C-alpha cells in the first residue's frame, strides 16, 4: 500500500498531482500548523510572460494555528478580480474554455474553512484529471497528535496499512530512510522529470500552478506528464 501525505496547497504545481496519482491513498495533512510564505494560500501563474503570484484570501491566518483552524475569506469582490486576472492571462490558451469554468467553480467555492476549501479544489481537479486515488483527511484519522514530524507520518502510514511512503523531493532533509525502514515502511522521494510545453510564444517557465498546465495541455497530455518522474 502506497501512502502520500502533504499539506493542502492552492492550485499546486504538477509534481503535487504526480504524487497524488502515484499512491493508493493520499492524506491531506490539514491538522498541522499553517506556514506563512509557503504554498498553502498562493501559487504562480503566467502574467504577461512572467511568473506572478495569485493568492487565496484568508481570515485570521497565523503560524500558531492549524490549517483547519483558519478561514477562507470568500470575498466575492476579491474573487471576481482574481478570476478576471486569470481570464485575461489565459483567454487565448488552447484549453481555456474547458478549464476556466472549473477554476471559476473552485474560486467561488463557499466553504469557509481553509482546509475544506483547499480539499474541494484538490478533489475537483483530481476528478478533471481522472485521478482515482483515495483521498483522506488527516484530522479524520484517530492518531496520536502529540507525535511530531516523521514520527507522526509513520503512525499515519501504519494506521492506513502503508508499506511504502512517497514524499515530494523537497522533503529529503526531513525524513530518514533508516527510521522508516525500522518501522517496516519503504521511504521514497518523487522527483519530477523536466517537463515543458508551449506557453503562447514565451520562453517556457516551469513549476507554475496546475492552472497553467491545464490551460495549455489536454487531459491526455497531462496524464502523460503525471508519470514523468523518478523515485529516489
Protein backbone atom coordinates (compact mmCIF):
# COMPACT_ATOMS: atom_id res chain seq x y z
CA UNK A 1 0.00 0.00 0.00
CA UNK A 2 1.50 3.31 -1.13
CA UNK A 3 0.75 6.36 1.00
CA UNK A 4 1.31 10.06 0.24
CA UNK A 5 0.84 12.84 2.81
CA UNK A 6 1.06 16.55 2.07
CA UNK A 7 -0.40 19.82 3.28
CA UNK A 8 -3.18 21.18 1.05
CA UNK A 9 -1.86 23.75 -1.42
CA UNK A 10 -3.55 26.39 -3.58
CA UNK A 11 -3.58 25.15 -7.21
CA UNK A 12 -0.18 23.42 -6.73
CA UNK A 13 2.37 22.59 -9.42
CA UNK A 14 2.28 19.33 -11.40
CA UNK A 15 4.59 17.46 -9.01
CA UNK A 16 1.88 17.61 -6.35
CA UNK A 17 -0.54 15.85 -8.70
CA UNK A 18 2.10 13.31 -9.70
CA UNK A 19 2.33 12.37 -6.02
CA UNK A 20 -1.43 12.02 -5.61
CA UNK A 21 -1.61 9.93 -8.78
CA UNK A 22 1.30 7.68 -7.76
CA UNK A 23 -0.09 6.47 -4.45
CA UNK A 24 -3.03 4.34 -3.34
CA UNK A 25 -4.10 6.64 -0.51
CA UNK A 26 -3.38 10.35 -0.30
CA UNK A 27 -3.71 12.18 3.00
CA UNK A 28 -4.47 15.90 3.06
CA UNK A 29 -2.42 16.99 6.08
CA UNK A 30 -4.79 19.60 7.46
CA UNK A 31 -4.01 19.36 11.19
CA UNK A 32 -0.51 20.84 11.12
CA UNK A 33 0.46 24.48 11.58
CA UNK A 34 -0.09 26.97 8.81
CA UNK A 35 3.18 28.04 7.20
CA UNK A 36 3.39 31.68 6.24
CA UNK A 37 5.07 32.35 2.89
CA UNK A 38 4.52 28.79 1.67
CA UNK A 39 2.17 27.35 -0.94
CA UNK A 40 -0.94 26.82 1.17
CA UNK A 41 -2.60 30.04 0.04
CA UNK A 42 -0.68 31.08 -3.07
CA UNK A 43 0.82 29.96 -6.34
CA UNK A 44 2.23 31.37 -9.55
CA UNK A 45 0.66 31.78 -12.97
CA UNK A 46 1.83 33.29 -16.24
CA UNK A 47 1.10 37.03 -16.31
CA UNK A 48 2.47 38.99 -19.28
CA UNK A 49 5.11 36.35 -19.87
CA UNK A 50 6.33 36.32 -16.25
CA UNK A 51 5.64 34.13 -13.21
CA UNK A 52 3.47 36.14 -10.81
CA UNK A 53 1.72 35.15 -7.59
CA UNK A 54 -2.01 34.75 -7.13
CA UNK A 55 -3.41 34.33 -3.63
CA UNK A 56 -6.31 32.78 -1.80
CA UNK A 57 -7.60 35.43 0.59
CA UNK A 58 -7.83 34.24 4.20
CA UNK A 59 -9.10 35.41 7.59
CA UNK A 60 -7.12 35.02 10.79
CA UNK A 61 -4.15 33.22 9.27
CA UNK A 62 -1.33 32.57 11.73
CA UNK A 63 1.57 30.11 12.08
CA UNK A 64 0.20 29.50 15.57
CA UNK A 65 -2.95 27.96 14.10
CA UNK A 66 -3.53 24.65 12.36
CA UNK A 67 -4.50 24.85 8.70
CA UNK A 68 -8.00 23.64 9.55
CA UNK A 69 -8.40 26.42 12.13
CA UNK A 70 -8.13 29.19 9.53
CA UNK A 71 -10.96 30.64 7.44
CA UNK A 72 -11.08 31.32 3.73
CA UNK A 73 -12.33 34.89 3.29
CA UNK A 74 -14.79 34.12 0.49
CA UNK A 75 -14.60 37.77 -0.53
CA UNK A 76 -16.76 37.99 -3.65
CA UNK A 77 -15.17 41.21 -4.90
CA UNK A 78 -11.65 39.83 -4.43
CA UNK A 79 -12.58 36.52 -6.07
CA UNK A 80 -14.10 38.33 -9.04
CA UNK A 81 -10.88 40.30 -9.52
CA UNK A 82 -8.82 37.11 -9.25
CA UNK A 83 -10.96 35.42 -11.89
CA UNK A 84 -10.64 38.47 -14.13
CA UNK A 85 -6.85 38.23 -13.83
CA UNK A 86 -6.85 34.54 -14.76
CA UNK A 87 -9.30 35.22 -17.61
CA UNK A 88 -7.08 37.93 -19.10
CA UNK A 89 -3.93 35.84 -18.76
CA UNK A 90 -5.28 32.66 -20.35
CA UNK A 91 -8.19 33.73 -22.55
CA UNK A 92 -6.27 32.71 -25.68
CA UNK A 93 -4.87 29.46 -24.23
CA UNK A 94 -5.98 26.35 -26.16
CA UNK A 95 -7.93 24.76 -23.30
CA UNK A 96 -9.33 27.91 -21.71
CA UNK A 97 -12.97 27.15 -22.50
CA UNK A 98 -12.68 23.71 -20.92
CA UNK A 99 -10.65 24.70 -17.87
CA UNK A 100 -11.81 28.17 -16.85
CA UNK A 101 -15.28 27.03 -15.66
CA UNK A 102 -13.54 24.59 -13.29
CA UNK A 103 -11.25 27.31 -11.95
CA UNK A 104 -14.26 29.62 -11.50
CA UNK A 105 -16.16 26.89 -9.65
CA UNK A 106 -13.22 26.36 -7.29
CA UNK A 107 -12.54 30.03 -6.59
CA UNK A 108 -16.24 30.68 -5.96
CA UNK A 109 -16.43 27.71 -3.61
CA UNK A 110 -18.31 28.88 -0.50
CA UNK A 111 -16.56 26.62 2.00
CA UNK A 112 -15.43 28.85 4.86
CA UNK A 113 -12.80 26.59 6.39
CA UNK A 114 -9.44 26.96 4.62
CA UNK A 115 -8.68 23.23 4.73
CA UNK A 116 -12.13 22.35 3.38
CA UNK A 117 -11.79 24.96 0.66
CA UNK A 118 -8.45 23.54 -0.49
CA UNK A 119 -9.75 19.98 -0.20
CA UNK A 120 -12.58 20.89 -2.55
CA UNK A 121 -10.04 22.22 -5.06
CA UNK A 122 -7.87 19.10 -4.83
CA UNK A 123 -10.82 16.77 -5.30
CA UNK A 124 -12.27 18.80 -8.19
CA UNK A 125 -9.02 18.92 -10.15
CA UNK A 126 -8.32 15.25 -9.40
CA UNK A 127 -11.71 14.45 -10.92
CA UNK A 128 -10.93 16.53 -14.03
CA UNK A 129 -7.58 14.71 -14.44
CA UNK A 130 -9.20 11.30 -13.81
CA UNK A 131 -7.01 10.67 -10.76
CA UNK A 132 -8.82 8.00 -8.76
CA UNK A 133 -6.60 7.86 -5.68
CA UNK A 134 -8.47 7.63 -2.38
CA UNK A 135 -8.22 11.00 -0.61
CA UNK A 136 -8.27 11.02 3.21
CA UNK A 137 -8.30 13.98 5.60
CA UNK A 138 -5.63 13.80 8.30
CA UNK A 139 -7.82 15.30 11.03
CA UNK A 140 -10.33 12.48 10.49
CA UNK A 141 -7.71 9.85 11.37
CA UNK A 142 -7.65 8.76 15.01
CA UNK A 143 -3.96 9.09 15.87
CA UNK A 144 -1.52 10.36 18.48
CA UNK A 145 -1.36 14.07 17.74
CA UNK A 146 1.41 14.55 20.28
CA UNK A 147 3.82 12.91 17.85
CA UNK A 148 5.91 15.26 15.74
CA UNK A 149 7.49 15.34 12.28
CA UNK A 150 8.31 11.94 10.77
CA UNK A 151 7.03 10.00 13.81
CA UNK A 152 3.54 11.31 13.09
CA UNK A 153 3.88 10.47 9.39
CA UNK A 154 4.99 6.94 10.24
CA UNK A 155 2.00 6.45 12.53
CA UNK A 156 -0.42 7.62 9.82
CA UNK A 157 1.17 5.18 7.38
CA UNK A 158 0.87 2.39 9.94
CA UNK A 159 -2.79 3.16 10.65
CA UNK A 160 -3.59 3.15 6.93
CA UNK A 161 -1.69 -0.08 6.31
CA UNK A 162 1.05 1.58 4.31
CA UNK A 163 4.12 -0.39 3.24
CA UNK A 164 5.55 2.49 1.16
CA UNK A 165 5.58 6.22 1.84
CA UNK A 166 6.05 8.66 -1.06
CA UNK A 167 7.09 12.24 -0.41
CA UNK A 168 7.99 15.17 -2.64
CA UNK A 169 11.72 15.53 -3.28
CA UNK A 170 11.83 18.69 -1.18
CA UNK A 171 11.37 16.61 1.96
CA UNK A 172 14.61 14.63 1.73
CA UNK A 173 16.16 16.50 4.64
CA UNK A 174 13.14 15.89 6.84
CA UNK A 175 12.89 12.12 6.75
CA UNK A 176 15.23 9.21 7.47
CA UNK A 177 15.28 6.10 5.27
CA UNK A 178 16.55 4.16 8.31
CA UNK A 179 13.76 5.35 10.61
CA UNK A 180 11.07 4.38 8.10
CA UNK A 181 12.74 1.04 7.37
CA UNK A 182 12.81 0.21 11.08
CA UNK A 183 9.05 0.77 11.06
CA UNK A 184 8.55 -1.59 8.13
CA UNK A 185 7.90 1.20 5.62
CA UNK A 186 9.88 1.89 2.47
CA UNK A 187 10.57 5.61 2.04
CA UNK A 188 10.68 7.01 -1.48
CA UNK A 189 11.01 10.55 -2.83
CA UNK A 190 9.28 11.64 -6.02
CA UNK A 191 11.48 13.75 -8.26
CA UNK A 192 9.66 15.30 -11.23
CA UNK A 193 11.38 14.98 -14.61
CA UNK A 194 11.90 18.13 -16.68
CA UNK A 195 8.52 18.99 -18.20
CA UNK A 196 7.99 21.56 -20.93
CA UNK A 197 5.05 22.63 -23.07
CA UNK A 198 4.17 25.59 -25.23
CA UNK A 199 3.13 28.73 -23.30
CA UNK A 200 1.94 31.02 -26.08
CA UNK A 201 5.15 32.27 -27.73
CA UNK A 202 7.00 32.89 -24.47
CA UNK A 203 10.14 31.26 -23.19
CA UNK A 204 8.99 28.35 -21.04
CA UNK A 205 8.64 28.96 -17.29
CA UNK A 206 8.46 25.78 -15.23
CA UNK A 207 6.83 24.87 -11.92
CA UNK A 208 3.84 27.15 -12.35
CA UNK A 209 0.43 26.35 -10.91
CA UNK A 210 -1.56 23.43 -12.29
CA UNK A 211 -3.79 26.17 -13.77
CA UNK A 212 -1.07 26.88 -16.31
CA UNK A 213 -0.60 23.19 -17.11
CA UNK A 214 -4.33 22.69 -17.62
CA UNK A 215 -4.71 25.77 -19.82
CA UNK A 216 -2.01 24.66 -22.27
CA UNK A 217 -2.41 20.86 -22.25
CA UNK A 218 -5.18 18.40 -22.97
CA UNK A 219 -6.20 15.98 -20.24
CA UNK A 220 -4.47 13.21 -22.17
CA UNK A 221 -1.22 15.20 -22.36
CA UNK A 222 -1.39 15.97 -18.64
CA UNK A 223 -1.94 12.30 -17.84
CA UNK A 224 1.22 11.52 -19.81
CA UNK A 225 3.10 14.11 -17.75
CA UNK A 226 1.81 12.72 -14.46
CA UNK A 227 4.07 9.68 -14.82
CA UNK A 228 7.20 11.62 -15.75
CA UNK A 229 9.11 11.30 -12.50
CA UNK A 230 11.75 9.20 -10.78
CA UNK A 231 11.59 7.63 -7.33
CA UNK A 232 14.69 8.08 -5.19
